[in-house]
C-alpha atoms as a PDB file:
ATOM      1  CA  MET A   1      -2.015 -55.774  28.424  1.00  0.00           C
ATOM      2  CA  ASN A   2       1.787 -56.092  28.502  1.00  0.00           C
ATOM      3  CA  VAL A   3       4.083 -55.546  25.529  1.00  0.00           C
ATOM      4  CA  TRP A   4       7.754 -56.332  25.058  1.00  0.00           C
ATOM      5  CA  GLY A   5      10.321 -53.612  25.549  1.00  0.00           C
ATOM      6  CA  TYR A   6      13.866 -53.520  24.177  1.00  0.00           C
ATOM      7  CA  TRP A   7      17.455 -53.056  25.254  1.00  0.00           C
ATOM      8  CA  LYS A   8      20.418 -51.812  23.259  1.00  0.00           C
ATOM      9  CA  CYS A   9      23.557 -53.902  22.887  1.00  0.00           C
ATOM     10  CA  PRO A  10      26.467 -51.892  24.318  1.00  0.00           C
ATOM     11  CA  TYR A  11      28.879 -53.542  21.903  1.00  0.00           C
ATOM     12  CA  CYS A  12      27.258 -53.424  18.432  1.00  0.00           C
ATOM     13  CA  GLY A  13      24.242 -51.154  19.060  1.00  0.00           C
ATOM     14  CA  GLU A  14      21.668 -53.761  18.040  1.00  0.00           C
ATOM     15  CA  VAL A  15      18.173 -53.173  19.508  1.00  0.00           C
ATOM     16  CA  VAL A  16      17.187 -56.475  21.160  1.00  0.00           C
ATOM     17  CA  ARG A  17      13.763 -57.555  22.443  1.00  0.00           C
ATOM     18  CA  ALA A  18      13.767 -57.759  26.231  1.00  0.00           C
ATOM     19  CA  ASP A  19      13.073 -61.506  26.498  1.00  0.00           C
ATOM     20  CA  HIS A  20      16.430 -62.220  24.750  1.00  0.00           C
ATOM     21  CA  LYS A  21      19.311 -62.156  27.243  1.00  0.00           C
ATOM     22  CA  ASP A  22      22.013 -62.182  24.554  1.00  0.00           C
ATOM     23  CA  CYS A  23      22.457 -60.013  21.458  1.00  0.00           C
ATOM     24  CA  PRO A  24      21.503 -62.124  18.411  1.00  0.00           C
ATOM     25  CA  LYS A  25      23.988 -60.155  16.290  1.00  0.00           C
ATOM     26  CA  CYS A  26      27.201 -60.286  18.357  1.00  0.00           C
ATOM     27  CA  GLY A  27      26.375 -62.522  21.342  1.00  0.00           C
ATOM     28  CA  THR A  28      26.992 -59.850  24.003  1.00  0.00           C
ATOM     29  CA  SER A  29      24.979 -60.512  27.174  1.00  0.00           C
ATOM     30  CA  ILE A  30      22.392 -58.075  28.472  1.00  0.00           C
ATOM     31  CA  PRO A  31      24.102 -55.484  30.736  1.00  0.00           C
ATOM     32  CA  ASN A  32      23.532 -55.701  34.488  1.00  0.00           C
ATOM     33  CA  ASP A  33      22.398 -52.039  34.624  1.00  0.00           C
ATOM     34  CA  VAL A  34      20.191 -52.286  31.543  1.00  0.00           C
ATOM     35  CA  ARG A  35      17.359 -49.787  31.062  1.00  0.00           C
ATOM     36  CA  PHE A  36      14.514 -51.063  28.930  1.00  0.00           C
ATOM     37  CA  PHE A  37      12.743 -48.826  26.426  1.00  0.00           C
ATOM     38  CA  MET A  38      10.086 -48.803  23.734  1.00  0.00           C
ATOM     39  CA  ASP A  39      11.377 -48.506  20.173  1.00  0.00           C
ATOM     40  CA  PRO A  40       8.922 -46.488  18.005  1.00  0.00           C
ATOM     41  CA  THR A  41      10.497 -47.940  14.847  1.00  0.00           C
ATOM     42  CA  LYS A  42       9.509 -51.476  15.760  1.00  0.00           C
ATOM     43  CA  PRO A  43       6.023 -52.993  15.788  1.00  0.00           C
ATOM     44  CA  ILE A  44       4.187 -53.467  19.098  1.00  0.00           C
ATOM     45  CA  GLU A  45       4.615 -57.077  20.270  1.00  0.00           C
ATOM     46  CA  TYR A  46       2.248 -58.284  22.974  1.00  0.00           C
ATOM     47  CA  VAL A  47       3.441 -60.627  25.726  1.00  0.00           C
ATOM     48  CA  ASP A  48       1.754 -64.005  25.846  1.00  0.00           C
ATOM     49  CA  LYS A  49      -0.694 -64.240  28.712  1.00  0.00           C
ATOM     50  CA  GLU A  50       1.303 -66.921  30.521  1.00  0.00           C
ATOM     51  CA  GLN A  51       4.485 -64.810  30.279  1.00  0.00           C
ATOM     52  CA  GLU A  52       3.000 -61.583  31.638  1.00  0.00           C
ATOM     53  CA  ASN A  53       4.935 -60.259  34.631  1.00  0.00           C
ATOM     54  CA  ASN A  54       4.084 -57.061  36.517  1.00  0.00           C
ATOM     55  CA  GLU A  55       6.866 -57.218  39.144  1.00  0.00           C
ATOM     56  CA  ALA A  56      10.147 -55.362  38.705  1.00  0.00           C
ATOM     57  CA  ASN A  57      13.554 -57.064  38.656  1.00  0.00           C
ATOM     58  CA  TRP A  58      15.747 -56.787  41.754  1.00  0.00           C
ATOM     59  CA  LEU A  59      19.446 -55.860  41.769  1.00  0.00           C
ATOM     60  CA  CYS A  60      22.080 -58.083  43.329  1.00  0.00           C
ATOM     61  CA  SER A  61      24.196 -56.239  45.913  1.00  0.00           C
ATOM     62  CA  TYR A  62      27.343 -58.159  44.896  1.00  0.00           C
ATOM     63  CA  CYS A  63      27.370 -58.415  41.101  1.00  0.00           C
ATOM     64  CA  ARG A  64      24.551 -55.926  40.252  1.00  0.00           C
ATOM     65  CA  MET A  65      22.876 -58.568  38.151  1.00  0.00           C
ATOM     66  CA  GLN A  66      19.183 -58.028  37.495  1.00  0.00           C
ATOM     67  CA  ASN A  67      17.079 -60.952  38.644  1.00  0.00           C
ATOM     68  CA  PRO A  68      13.381 -61.763  38.225  1.00  0.00           C
ATOM     69  CA  ALA A  69      11.200 -60.818  41.194  1.00  0.00           C
ATOM     70  CA  GLN A  70      10.413 -64.510  41.796  1.00  0.00           C
ATOM     71  CA  ALA A  71      14.090 -65.444  42.192  1.00  0.00           C
ATOM     72  CA  GLU A  72      15.161 -65.778  45.873  1.00  0.00           C
ATOM     73  CA  VAL A  73      18.890 -65.838  45.037  1.00  0.00           C
ATOM     74  CA  CYS A  74      20.946 -64.130  42.321  1.00  0.00           C
ATOM     75  CA  GLU A  75      21.032 -66.215  39.150  1.00  0.00           C
ATOM     76  CA  ASN A  76      24.607 -65.062  38.545  1.00  0.00           C
ATOM     77  CA  CYS A  77      26.381 -65.271  41.934  1.00  0.00           C
ATOM     78  CA  GLY A  78      23.870 -66.859  44.323  1.00  0.00           C
ATOM     79  CA  ALA A  79      23.605 -63.886  46.693  1.00  0.00           C
ATOM     80  CA  PRO A  80      20.298 -63.815  48.593  1.00  0.00           C
ATOM     81  CA  LYS A  81      17.471 -61.509  47.502  1.00  0.00           C
ATOM     82  CA  ALA A  82      17.232 -60.215  51.093  1.00  0.00           C
ATOM     83  CA  GLN A  83      20.545 -58.400  50.525  1.00  0.00           C
ATOM     84  CA  SER A  84      19.482 -56.806  47.221  1.00  0.00           C
ATOM     85  CA  LEU A  85      20.048 -53.145  46.380  1.00  0.00           C
ATOM     86  CA  GLY A  86      16.355 -52.670  45.637  1.00  0.00           C
ATOM     87  CA  ASN A  87      14.394 -53.093  42.459  1.00  0.00           C
ATOM     88  CA  TYR A  88      14.643 -51.697  38.964  1.00  0.00           C
ATOM     89  CA  GLN A  89      12.278 -48.829  39.705  1.00  0.00           C
ATOM     90  CA  THR A  90      14.537 -47.373  42.422  1.00  0.00           C
ATOM     91  CA  ASN A  91      17.282 -46.670  39.909  1.00  0.00           C
ATOM     92  CA  PRO A  92      15.204 -44.376  39.242  1.00  0.00           C
ATOM     93  CA  GLU A  93      11.590 -45.017  38.150  1.00  0.00           C
ATOM     94  CA  PRO A  94      11.136 -44.294  34.445  1.00  0.00           C
ATOM     95  CA  LYS A  95       8.260 -42.146  33.307  1.00  0.00           C
ATOM     96  CA  PRO A  96       5.547 -43.664  31.096  1.00  0.00           C
ATOM     97  CA  THR A  97       6.606 -43.685  27.452  1.00  0.00           C
ATOM     98  CA  PRO A  98       3.962 -42.222  25.143  1.00  0.00           C
ATOM     99  CA  ARG A  99       3.414 -43.898  21.825  1.00  0.00           C
ATOM    100  CA  PRO A 100       4.142 -41.277  19.171  1.00  0.00           C
ATOM    101  CA  ARG A 101       1.331 -40.267  16.922  1.00  0.00           C
ATOM    102  CA  PRO A 102       1.056 -37.500  14.323  1.00  0.00           C
ATOM    103  CA  GLN A 103      -0.409 -34.238  15.491  1.00  0.00           C
ATOM    104  CA  ARG A 104      -3.979 -33.796  14.399  1.00  0.00           C
ATOM    105  CA  GLU A 105      -4.958 -30.777  12.322  1.00  0.00           C
ATOM    106  CA  PRO A 106      -7.676 -29.599  14.770  1.00  0.00           C
ATOM    107  CA  GLU A 107      -5.061 -29.403  17.539  1.00  0.00           C
ATOM    108  CA  ARG A 108      -2.886 -27.157  15.407  1.00  0.00           C
ATOM    109  CA  ARG A 109      -5.881 -24.939  14.672  1.00  0.00           C
ATOM    110  CA  LYS A 110      -6.704 -24.866  18.374  1.00  0.00           C
ATOM    111  CA  LYS A 111      -3.161 -23.755  19.273  1.00  0.00           C
ATOM    112  CA  LYS A 112      -3.298 -21.099  16.566  1.00  0.00           C
ATOM    113  CA  SER A 113      -6.640 -19.884  17.926  1.00  0.00           C
ATOM    114  CA  TYR A 114      -5.215 -19.637  21.454  1.00  0.00           C
ATOM    115  CA  LYS A 115      -2.218 -17.707  20.134  1.00  0.00           C
ATOM    116  CA  SER A 116      -4.448 -15.259  18.241  1.00  0.00           C
ATOM    117  CA  ALA A 117      -6.627 -14.740  21.319  1.00  0.00           C
ATOM    118  CA  LEU A 118      -3.542 -14.070  23.464  1.00  0.00           C
ATOM    119  CA  ILE A 119      -2.170 -11.552  20.958  1.00  0.00           C
ATOM    120  CA  GLY A 120      -5.571  -9.838  20.850  1.00  0.00           C
ATOM    121  CA  LEU A 121      -5.701  -9.627  24.652  1.00  0.00           C
ATOM    122  CA  ILE A 122      -2.181  -8.143  24.819  1.00  0.00           C
ATOM    123  CA  LEU A 123      -3.054  -5.541  22.155  1.00  0.00           C
ATOM    124  CA  MET A 124      -6.254  -4.586  24.008  1.00  0.00           C
ATOM    125  CA  ILE A 125      -4.317  -4.122  27.282  1.00  0.00           C
ATOM    126  CA  LEU A 126      -1.726  -1.984  25.456  1.00  0.00           C
ATOM    127  CA  VAL A 127      -4.470   0.216  23.964  1.00  0.00           C
ATOM    128  CA  ILE A 128      -6.028   0.731  27.410  1.00  0.00           C
ATOM    129  CA  VAL A 129      -2.679   1.531  29.062  1.00  0.00           C
ATOM    130  CA  VAL A 130      -1.577   3.933  26.293  1.00  0.00           C
ATOM    131  CA  GLY A 131      -5.036   5.536  26.190  1.00  0.00           C
ATOM    132  CA  ASN A 132      -5.020   6.148  29.948  1.00  0.00           C
ATOM    133  CA  TRP A 133      -1.512   7.583  29.738  1.00  0.00           C
ATOM    134  CA  TYR A 134      -2.422   9.821  26.780  1.00  0.00           C
ATOM    135  CA  PHE A 135      -5.644  11.221  28.252  1.00  0.00           C
ATOM    136  CA  GLN A 136      -4.429  11.517  31.844  1.00  0.00           C
ATOM    137  CA  PRO A 137      -4.425  15.243  32.741  1.00  0.00           C
ATOM    138  CA  VAL A 138      -1.042  16.802  33.538  1.00  0.00           C
ATOM    139  CA  THR A 139      -0.266  19.880  35.653  1.00  0.00           C
ATOM    140  CA  ARG A 140       1.419  22.920  34.065  1.00  0.00           C
ATOM    141  CA  GLU A 141       2.495  26.269  35.486  1.00  0.00           C
ATOM    142  CA  GLY A 142       1.803  29.771  34.286  1.00  0.00           C
ATOM    143  CA  GLU A 143       1.933  33.430  35.351  1.00  0.00           C
ATOM    144  CA  VAL A 144      -1.181  35.624  35.618  1.00  0.00           C
ATOM    145  CA  THR A 145      -0.907  38.517  33.141  1.00  0.00           C
ATOM    146  CA  GLY A 146      -4.502  39.764  33.034  1.00  0.00           C
ATOM    147  CA  PHE A 147      -8.187  39.104  33.645  1.00  0.00           C
ATOM    148  CA  GLU A 148     -11.439  38.748  31.714  1.00  0.00           C
ATOM    149  CA  TRP A 149     -15.047  38.545  32.863  1.00  0.00           C
ATOM    150  CA  GLU A 150     -18.612  38.347  31.580  1.00  0.00           C
ATOM    151  CA  GLN A 151     -21.793  38.862  33.614  1.00  0.00           C
ATOM    152  CA  SER A 152     -25.461  38.543  32.601  1.00  0.00           C
ATOM    153  CA  ILE A 153     -28.802  39.520  34.113  1.00  0.00           C
ATOM    154  CA  THR A 154     -31.721  37.547  32.696  1.00  0.00           C
ATOM    155  CA  VAL A 155     -34.716  39.671  31.749  1.00  0.00           C
ATOM    156  CA  GLU A 156     -38.055  37.964  32.409  1.00  0.00           C
ATOM    157  CA  GLU A 157     -41.499  38.895  31.039  1.00  0.00           C
ATOM    158  CA  PHE A 158     -44.858  37.962  32.537  1.00  0.00           C
ATOM    159  CA  GLN A 159     -46.786  36.042  29.852  1.00  0.00           C
ATOM    160  CA  ARG A 160     -49.773  33.756  29.360  1.00  0.00           C
ATOM    161  CA  CYS A 161     -48.417  30.387  28.148  1.00  0.00           C
ATOM    162  CA  HIS A 162     -50.166  27.372  26.621  1.00  0.00           C
ATOM    163  CA  ASP A 163     -48.734  24.122  28.006  1.00  0.00           C
ATOM    164  CA  SER A 164     -49.608  20.479  28.595  1.00  0.00           C
ATOM    165  CA  GLY A 165     -48.888  17.750  31.123  1.00  0.00           C
ATOM    166  CA  TRP A 166     -50.287  14.801  33.032  1.00  0.00           C
ATOM    167  CA  ASN A 167     -51.677  17.143  35.647  1.00  0.00           C
ATOM    168  CA  VAL A 168     -52.676  20.795  35.829  1.00  0.00           C
ATOM    169  CA  PRO A 169     -50.282  22.784  38.027  1.00  0.00           C
ATOM    170  CA  SER A 170     -51.446  25.319  40.571  1.00  0.00           C
ATOM    171  CA  GLY A 171     -52.537  28.482  38.786  1.00  0.00           C
ATOM    172  CA  GLY A 172     -53.208  26.653  35.499  1.00  0.00           C
ATOM    173  CA  SER A 173     -56.493  27.016  33.640  1.00  0.00           C
ATOM    174  CA  LEU A 174     -57.710  23.803  31.921  1.00  0.00           C
ATOM    175  CA  VAL A 175     -58.454  24.153  28.206  1.00  0.00           C
ATOM    176  CA  SER A 176     -58.953  20.526  27.147  1.00  0.00           C
ATOM    177  CA  SER A 177     -57.883  16.963  27.877  1.00  0.00           C
ATOM    178  CA  ASN A 178     -57.271  13.826  25.856  1.00  0.00           C
ATOM    179  CA  ARG A 179     -56.407  10.151  26.389  1.00  0.00           C
ATOM    180  CA  GLU A 180     -52.841   9.669  25.105  1.00  0.00           C
ATOM    181  CA  VAL A 181     -49.963   7.190  25.364  1.00  0.00           C
ATOM    182  CA  ARG A 182     -47.943   7.953  28.457  1.00  0.00           C
ATOM    183  CA  SER A 183     -45.568   4.965  28.432  1.00  0.00           C
ATOM    184  CA  TYR A 184     -45.160   1.401  27.202  1.00  0.00           C
ATOM    185  CA  LYS A 185     -44.952  -1.946  28.935  1.00  0.00           C
ATOM    186  CA  LYS A 186     -43.342  -5.120  27.616  1.00  0.00           C
ATOM    187  CA  VAL A 187     -45.870  -7.915  27.157  1.00  0.00           C
ATOM    188  CA  LEU A 188     -45.225 -11.512  26.058  1.00  0.00           C
ATOM    189  CA  ASP A 189     -46.624 -11.935  22.559  1.00  0.00           C
ATOM    190  CA  HIS A 190     -45.501 -15.395  21.413  1.00  0.00           C
ATOM    191  CA  TYR A 191     -42.565 -17.800  21.228  1.00  0.00           C
ATOM    192  CA  GLU A 192     -40.275 -18.369  18.254  1.00  0.00           C
ATOM    193  CA  THR A 193     -38.496 -21.646  17.606  1.00  0.00           C
ATOM    194  CA  LYS A 194     -34.798 -21.072  17.022  1.00  0.00           C
ATOM    195  CA  THR A 195     -31.667 -23.178  16.772  1.00  0.00           C
ATOM    196  CA  LYS A 196     -28.265 -22.761  18.328  1.00  0.00           C
ATOM    197  CA  LYS A 197     -25.005 -24.656  18.309  1.00  0.00           C
ATOM    198  CA  VAL A 198     -24.114 -26.332  21.585  1.00  0.00           C
ATOM    199  CA  ALA A 199     -20.584 -27.591  22.319  1.00  0.00           C
ATOM    200  CA  LYS A 200     -20.272 -31.204  23.392  1.00  0.00           C
ATOM    201  CA  LYS A 201     -17.241 -33.377  24.165  1.00  0.00           C
ATOM    202  CA  VAL A 202     -17.216 -36.824  22.582  1.00  0.00           C
ATOM    203  CA  LYS A 203     -14.687 -39.636  22.705  1.00  0.00           C
ATOM    204  CA  ASP A 204     -12.229 -39.477  19.825  1.00  0.00           C
ATOM    205  CA  GLY A 205     -10.227 -42.635  20.385  1.00  0.00           C
ATOM    206  CA  TYR A 206      -7.417 -43.328  22.815  1.00  0.00           C
ATOM    207  CA  ASP A 207      -3.899 -42.149  23.494  1.00  0.00           C
ATOM    208  CA  VAL A 208      -1.648 -45.053  24.384  1.00  0.00           C
ATOM    209  CA  GLU A 209       1.196 -44.849  26.907  1.00  0.00           C
ATOM    210  CA  TYR A 210       3.564 -47.570  28.047  1.00  0.00           C
ATOM    211  CA  LYS A 211       4.671 -47.920  31.669  1.00  0.00           C
ATOM    212  CA  ASP A 212       8.029 -49.574  32.265  1.00  0.00           C
ATOM    213  CA  LEU A 213       7.441 -52.548  34.592  1.00  0.00           C
ATOM    214  CA  GLY A 214      11.170 -52.977  35.234  1.00  0.00           C
ATOM    215  CA  ASN A 215      11.466 -56.496  33.816  1.00  0.00           C
ATOM    216  CA  GLY A 216      11.546 -55.957  30.068  1.00  0.00           C
ATOM    217  CA  GLN A 217       7.784 -55.669  29.777  1.00  0.00           C
ATOM    218  CA  PHE A 218       5.700 -52.506  29.508  1.00  0.00           C
ATOM    219  CA  LYS A 219       2.104 -52.033  30.625  1.00  0.00           C
ATOM    220  CA  GLU A 220      -0.095 -50.658  27.858  1.00  0.00           C
ATOM    221  CA  VAL A 221      -2.148 -47.830  29.305  1.00  0.00           C
ATOM    222  CA  LYS A 222      -4.997 -46.434  27.235  1.00  0.00           C
ATOM    223  CA  LYS A 223      -6.334 -42.972  28.024  1.00  0.00           C
ATOM    224  CA  PRO A 224      -9.482 -41.772  26.303  1.00  0.00           C
ATOM    225  CA  ARG A 225      -9.100 -38.766  24.007  1.00  0.00           C
ATOM    226  CA  TYR A 226     -11.942 -36.313  23.501  1.00  0.00           C
ATOM    227  CA  LYS A 227     -12.831 -33.750  20.879  1.00  0.00           C
ATOM    228  CA  THR A 228     -15.368 -30.940  20.844  1.00  0.00           C
ATOM    229  CA  VAL A 229     -18.272 -31.190  18.433  1.00  0.00           C
ATOM    230  CA  TYR A 230     -21.210 -28.860  17.971  1.00  0.00           C
ATOM    231  CA  GLU A 231     -24.808 -29.937  17.856  1.00  0.00           C
ATOM    232  CA  GLU A 232     -27.753 -27.879  16.727  1.00  0.00           C
ATOM    233  CA  LYS A 233     -30.453 -27.664  19.348  1.00  0.00           C
ATOM    234  CA  THR A 234     -33.823 -26.029  19.103  1.00  0.00           C
ATOM    235  CA  TYR A 235     -35.211 -23.760  21.790  1.00  0.00           C
ATOM    236  CA  LYS A 236     -38.121 -21.431  22.342  1.00  0.00           C
ATOM    237  CA  GLU A 237     -37.341 -17.737  22.505  1.00  0.00           C
ATOM    238  CA  PRO A 238     -39.971 -15.367  23.922  1.00  0.00           C
ATOM    239  CA  VAL A 239     -40.997 -12.456  21.705  1.00  0.00           C
ATOM    240  CA  TYR A 240     -42.410  -9.370  23.400  1.00  0.00           C
ATOM    241  CA  ARG A 241     -44.463  -6.486  22.135  1.00  0.00           C
ATOM    242  CA  GLN A 242     -44.621  -2.919  23.450  1.00  0.00           C
ATOM    243  CA  GLU A 243     -48.125  -2.341  24.726  1.00  0.00           C
ATOM    244  CA  PRO A 244     -49.103   1.327  25.217  1.00  0.00           C
ATOM    245  CA  ILE A 245     -50.320   2.605  28.587  1.00  0.00           C
ATOM    246  CA  TYR A 246     -52.856   5.413  28.241  1.00  0.00           C
ATOM    247  CA  ASP A 247     -53.455   8.298  30.585  1.00  0.00           C
ATOM    248  CA  THR A 248     -55.243  11.620  30.536  1.00  0.00           C
ATOM    249  CA  LYS A 249     -53.137  14.482  29.213  1.00  0.00           C
ATOM    250  CA  TYR A 250     -54.209  18.010  30.094  1.00  0.00           C
ATOM    251  CA  TYR A 251     -53.841  21.135  27.953  1.00  0.00           C
ATOM    252  CA  TYR A 252     -53.945  24.324  29.944  1.00  0.00           C
ATOM    253  CA  ASP A 253     -53.116  28.034  30.051  1.00  0.00           C
ATOM    254  CA  ILE A 254     -50.913  29.391  32.811  1.00  0.00           C
ATOM    255  CA  ASP A 255     -49.483  32.809  33.679  1.00  0.00           C
ATOM    256  CA  ARG A 256     -45.758  32.838  34.487  1.00  0.00           C
ATOM    257  CA  TRP A 257     -42.445  34.636  34.122  1.00  0.00           C
ATOM    258  CA  ASN A 258     -40.406  33.585  31.050  1.00  0.00           C
ATOM    259  CA  ALA A 259     -36.798  34.497  30.223  1.00  0.00           C
ATOM    260  CA  ILE A 260     -36.653  36.630  27.087  1.00  0.00           C
ATOM    261  CA  THR A 261     -33.196  38.244  26.821  1.00  0.00           C
ATOM    262  CA  PRO A 262     -30.019  38.751  28.895  1.00  0.00           C
ATOM    263  CA  LEU A 263     -28.364  42.027  29.791  1.00  0.00           C
ATOM    264  CA  THR A 264     -24.675  41.248  29.370  1.00  0.00           C
ATOM    265  CA  THR A 265     -21.542  43.127  30.387  1.00  0.00           C
ATOM    266  CA  SER A 266     -17.903  42.078  29.941  1.00  0.00           C
ATOM    267  CA  GLY A 267     -14.431  43.394  30.505  1.00  0.00           C
ATOM    268  CA  THR A 268     -10.686  42.796  30.575  1.00  0.00           C
ATOM    269  CA  ASP A 269     -10.059  44.199  34.026  1.00  0.00           C
ATOM    270  CA  HIS A 270     -10.402  42.905  37.570  1.00  0.00           C
ATOM    271  CA  GLU A 271     -13.520  44.923  38.471  1.00  0.00           C
ATOM    272  CA  PRO A 272     -16.657  43.265  37.069  1.00  0.00           C
ATOM    273  CA  THR A 273     -19.870  45.320  36.932  1.00  0.00           C
ATOM    274  CA  TRP A 274     -23.510  44.442  36.258  1.00  0.00           C
ATOM    275  CA  ALA A 275     -25.510  46.041  33.454  1.00  0.00           C
ATOM    276  CA  GLU A 276     -27.470  49.126  34.442  1.00  0.00           C
ATOM    277  CA  THR A 277     -31.218  48.542  34.379  1.00  0.00           C
ATOM    278  CA  ASP A 278     -34.256  50.147  35.900  1.00  0.00           C
ATOM    279  CA  LEU A 279     -36.156  46.860  35.894  1.00  0.00           C
ATOM    280  CA  PRO A 280     -37.357  45.808  39.341  1.00  0.00           C
ATOM    281  CA  LYS A 281     -36.210  42.603  40.965  1.00  0.00           C
ATOM    282  CA  ASP A 282     -39.778  41.698  41.801  1.00  0.00           C
ATOM    283  CA  VAL A 283     -43.239  42.831  40.671  1.00  0.00           C
ATOM    284  CA  GLN A 284     -46.282  42.586  42.888  1.00  0.00           C
ATOM    285  CA  SER A 285     -49.546  41.647  41.068  1.00  0.00           C
ATOM    286  CA  PRO A 286     -47.933  41.550  37.585  1.00  0.00           C
ATOM    287  CA  THR A 287     -49.889  41.991  34.355  1.00  0.00           C
ATOM    288  CA  TYR A 288     -49.072  40.672  30.897  1.00  0.00           C
ATOM    289  CA  GLY A 289     -45.988  42.385  29.448  1.00  0.00           C
ATOM    290  CA  ASP A 290     -44.449  43.354  32.786  1.00  0.00           C
ATOM    291  CA  LYS A 291     -40.676  42.772  32.988  1.00  0.00           C
ATOM    292  CA  ARG A 292     -38.299  42.120  35.880  1.00  0.00           C
ATOM    293  CA  GLN A 293     -34.732  41.091  36.667  1.00  0.00           C
ATOM    294  CA  GLY A 294     -34.167  37.346  36.754  1.00  0.00           C
ATOM    295  CA  ALA A 295     -31.138  35.204  37.580  1.00  0.00           C
ATOM    296  CA  ARG A 296     -27.629  36.678  37.559  1.00  0.00           C
ATOM    297  CA  THR A 297     -24.744  34.601  36.167  1.00  0.00           C
ATOM    298  CA  GLY A 298     -21.084  35.229  35.556  1.00  0.00           C
ATOM    299  CA  LYS A 299     -17.912  33.737  34.097  1.00  0.00           C
ATOM    300  CA  TYR A 300     -14.418  34.736  35.186  1.00  0.00           C
ATOM    301  CA  TRP A 301     -11.043  33.995  33.582  1.00  0.00           C
ATOM    302  CA  ALA A 302      -7.413  34.586  34.452  1.00  0.00           C
ATOM    303  CA  VAL A 303      -5.201  35.287  31.435  1.00  0.00           C
ATOM    304  CA  ILE A 304      -1.894  33.474  31.946  1.00  0.00           C
ATOM    305  CA  LYS A 305       1.377  33.126  30.123  1.00  0.00           C
ATOM    306  CA  ASP A 306       2.390  29.440  29.999  1.00  0.00           C
ATOM    307  CA  ASP A 307       5.930  28.050  30.133  1.00  0.00           C
ATOM    308  CA  LYS A 308       6.179  28.369  26.316  1.00  0.00           C
ATOM    309  CA  GLY A 309       5.265  32.067  26.348  1.00  0.00           C
ATOM    310  CA  ASN A 310       1.754  31.519  24.957  1.00  0.00           C
ATOM    311  CA  GLU A 311      -1.351  33.105  26.455  1.00  0.00           C
ATOM    312  CA  GLN A 312      -4.064  30.835  27.907  1.00  0.00           C
ATOM    313  CA  LYS A 313      -7.359  31.493  29.692  1.00  0.00           C
ATOM    314  CA  VAL A 314      -8.210  29.572  32.874  1.00  0.00           C
ATOM    315  CA  GLU A 315     -11.767  29.835  34.229  1.00  0.00           C
ATOM    316  CA  TYR A 316     -12.303  30.256  37.986  1.00  0.00           C
ATOM    317  CA  THR A 317     -15.156  30.754  40.407  1.00  0.00           C
ATOM    318  CA  LEU A 318     -15.725  34.405  41.379  1.00  0.00           C
ATOM    319  CA  GLU A 319     -14.267  33.849  44.861  1.00  0.00           C
ATOM    320  CA  LYS A 320     -11.001  32.327  43.567  1.00  0.00           C
ATOM    321  CA  TRP A 321     -10.798  34.813  40.684  1.00  0.00           C
ATOM    322  CA  GLU A 322     -11.051  37.800  43.028  1.00  0.00           C
ATOM    323  CA  ALA A 323      -8.212  36.391  45.155  1.00  0.00           C
ATOM    324  CA  LEU A 324      -5.787  36.358  42.175  1.00  0.00           C
ATOM    325  CA  LYS A 325      -3.530  39.233  41.153  1.00  0.00           C
ATOM    326  CA  GLU A 326      -1.185  39.862  38.237  1.00  0.00           C
ATOM    327  CA  GLY A 327       2.193  38.128  38.599  1.00  0.00           C
ATOM    328  CA  ASP A 328       0.784  35.198  40.591  1.00  0.00           C
ATOM    329  CA  LYS A 329       2.223  31.781  39.715  1.00  0.00           C
ATOM    330  CA  ILE A 330      -0.594  29.264  39.243  1.00  0.00           C
ATOM    331  CA  GLU A 331      -0.984  25.627  38.308  1.00  0.00           C
ATOM    332  CA  TYR A 332      -3.607  24.372  35.856  1.00  0.00           C
ATOM    333  CA  LYS A 333      -4.581  21.076  34.206  1.00  0.00           C
ATOM    334  CA  THR A 334      -4.108  20.298  30.502  1.00  0.00           C
ATOM    335  CA  ARG A 335      -3.940  17.228  28.304  1.00  0.00           C
ATOM    336  CA  ARG A 336      -0.540  15.582  27.868  1.00  0.00           C
ATOM    337  CA  PHE A 337       0.191  17.059  24.422  1.00  0.00           C
ATOM    338  CA  SER A 338      -1.701  20.336  24.808  1.00  0.00           C
ATOM    339  CA  ASP A 339      -1.224  23.624  26.625  1.00  0.00           C
ATOM    340  CA  GLU A 340      -4.933  24.538  26.619  1.00  0.00           C
ATOM    341  CA  PRO A 341      -6.490  24.392  30.088  1.00  0.00           C
ATOM    342  CA  ILE A 342      -9.158  21.781  30.780  1.00  0.00           C
ATOM    343  CA  LYS A 343     -12.546  23.297  31.447  1.00  0.00           C
ATOM    344  CA  GLY A 344     -14.028  22.509  34.840  1.00  0.00           C
END
C-alpha cells in the first residue's frame, strides 16, 4: 500500500503533504528540486486506491520542474519528456525510511548478553596469553663451581612369593582359583522420560519501512520480525548399568628375585664410585635367602653459580656430566620469575 509523504516549505518551514503543490500557510509553491520524506510526528495517511502511483517524477531539462511520469511534456515550460534529465530516483535514489519504533526490552537484554560474552572471551584469551608467557621456560647462564653425585646398587633376595593373576606365569605353582569380576560392560537397562527446552523462532509482528517512490508517495514495506521462544519437549534418555564380567583368577606361589635394599654412595667430587660389595651379580641355582646385585642407578649434578651469585644444582646424564669441568659457562632452563633449574 502507498502512503503520502511530505515536503518542507523553503520559505516558512511548514511540513506539507505531498499531494499539495502549494504551502497552505504561506502559498509558496513546491520547489523544483524537492525531496519528499516521511514525518514521524504526523499520522500515516494512506493514498486512495485510484490515486496510487508507483512511477517516479521526471525532471525537465530546461526549468528543472518535476513532472508526473504520465506527462509527455513539462507542465511548467512545455519541454518534451524525451529531453528530461532523468527521474527523481537518479538524483540520487533515497534509501527506505524505517518507521521509528521503541526498542524492545528483550533486544536490550540480548545486546547486553552479547557484550558480556565478548568481555568474557577477551578475558579468557588474556588469561591464556599471560599464562603461556608466565610459564614459558627461559634460558639463564651460570658457571660450574662444583659437582655432586649419588649412585645406588639394588640388592635383591631370592624369595617365595604369593601372588595372583588371570593366568599362572611360568614357574608358578597354583594354590587355588576363584571366579571373580575382571571388568564391567555397559548394558542398556531402561529409558527415562526427560524434558528439555528447545529454541524456536516465531513471528513477532512486522517492522514497517517506507520506500520513496519519487512522486510524493511512499510504498509501505512490511518485513516480518521474529523472536526466540523456548518450548519444553520430552525425550527418552537411555540409562545403562554396569554389568560385571567374570573370569577365573588364580592364586599361586612363585620363586623370584625381589629388591630389598639399595647400597648407596654419594659425593661432592667429579669421581663417582660404586659401593663395595661381595654380592655376586648372578647366582646359579639360587635357594631361598640368597642375595645378588641388581640394577645400578645414578644421579649427577653440576653445582653452578647463577648470574645473581646464588648456587643452583642442574642435573645431567652421566655422559654430559663427565664432560663438564669447573669454570665452564653453561645454559639452563628456569621459570620466568625463578632461578631454580627445571628438572628434566
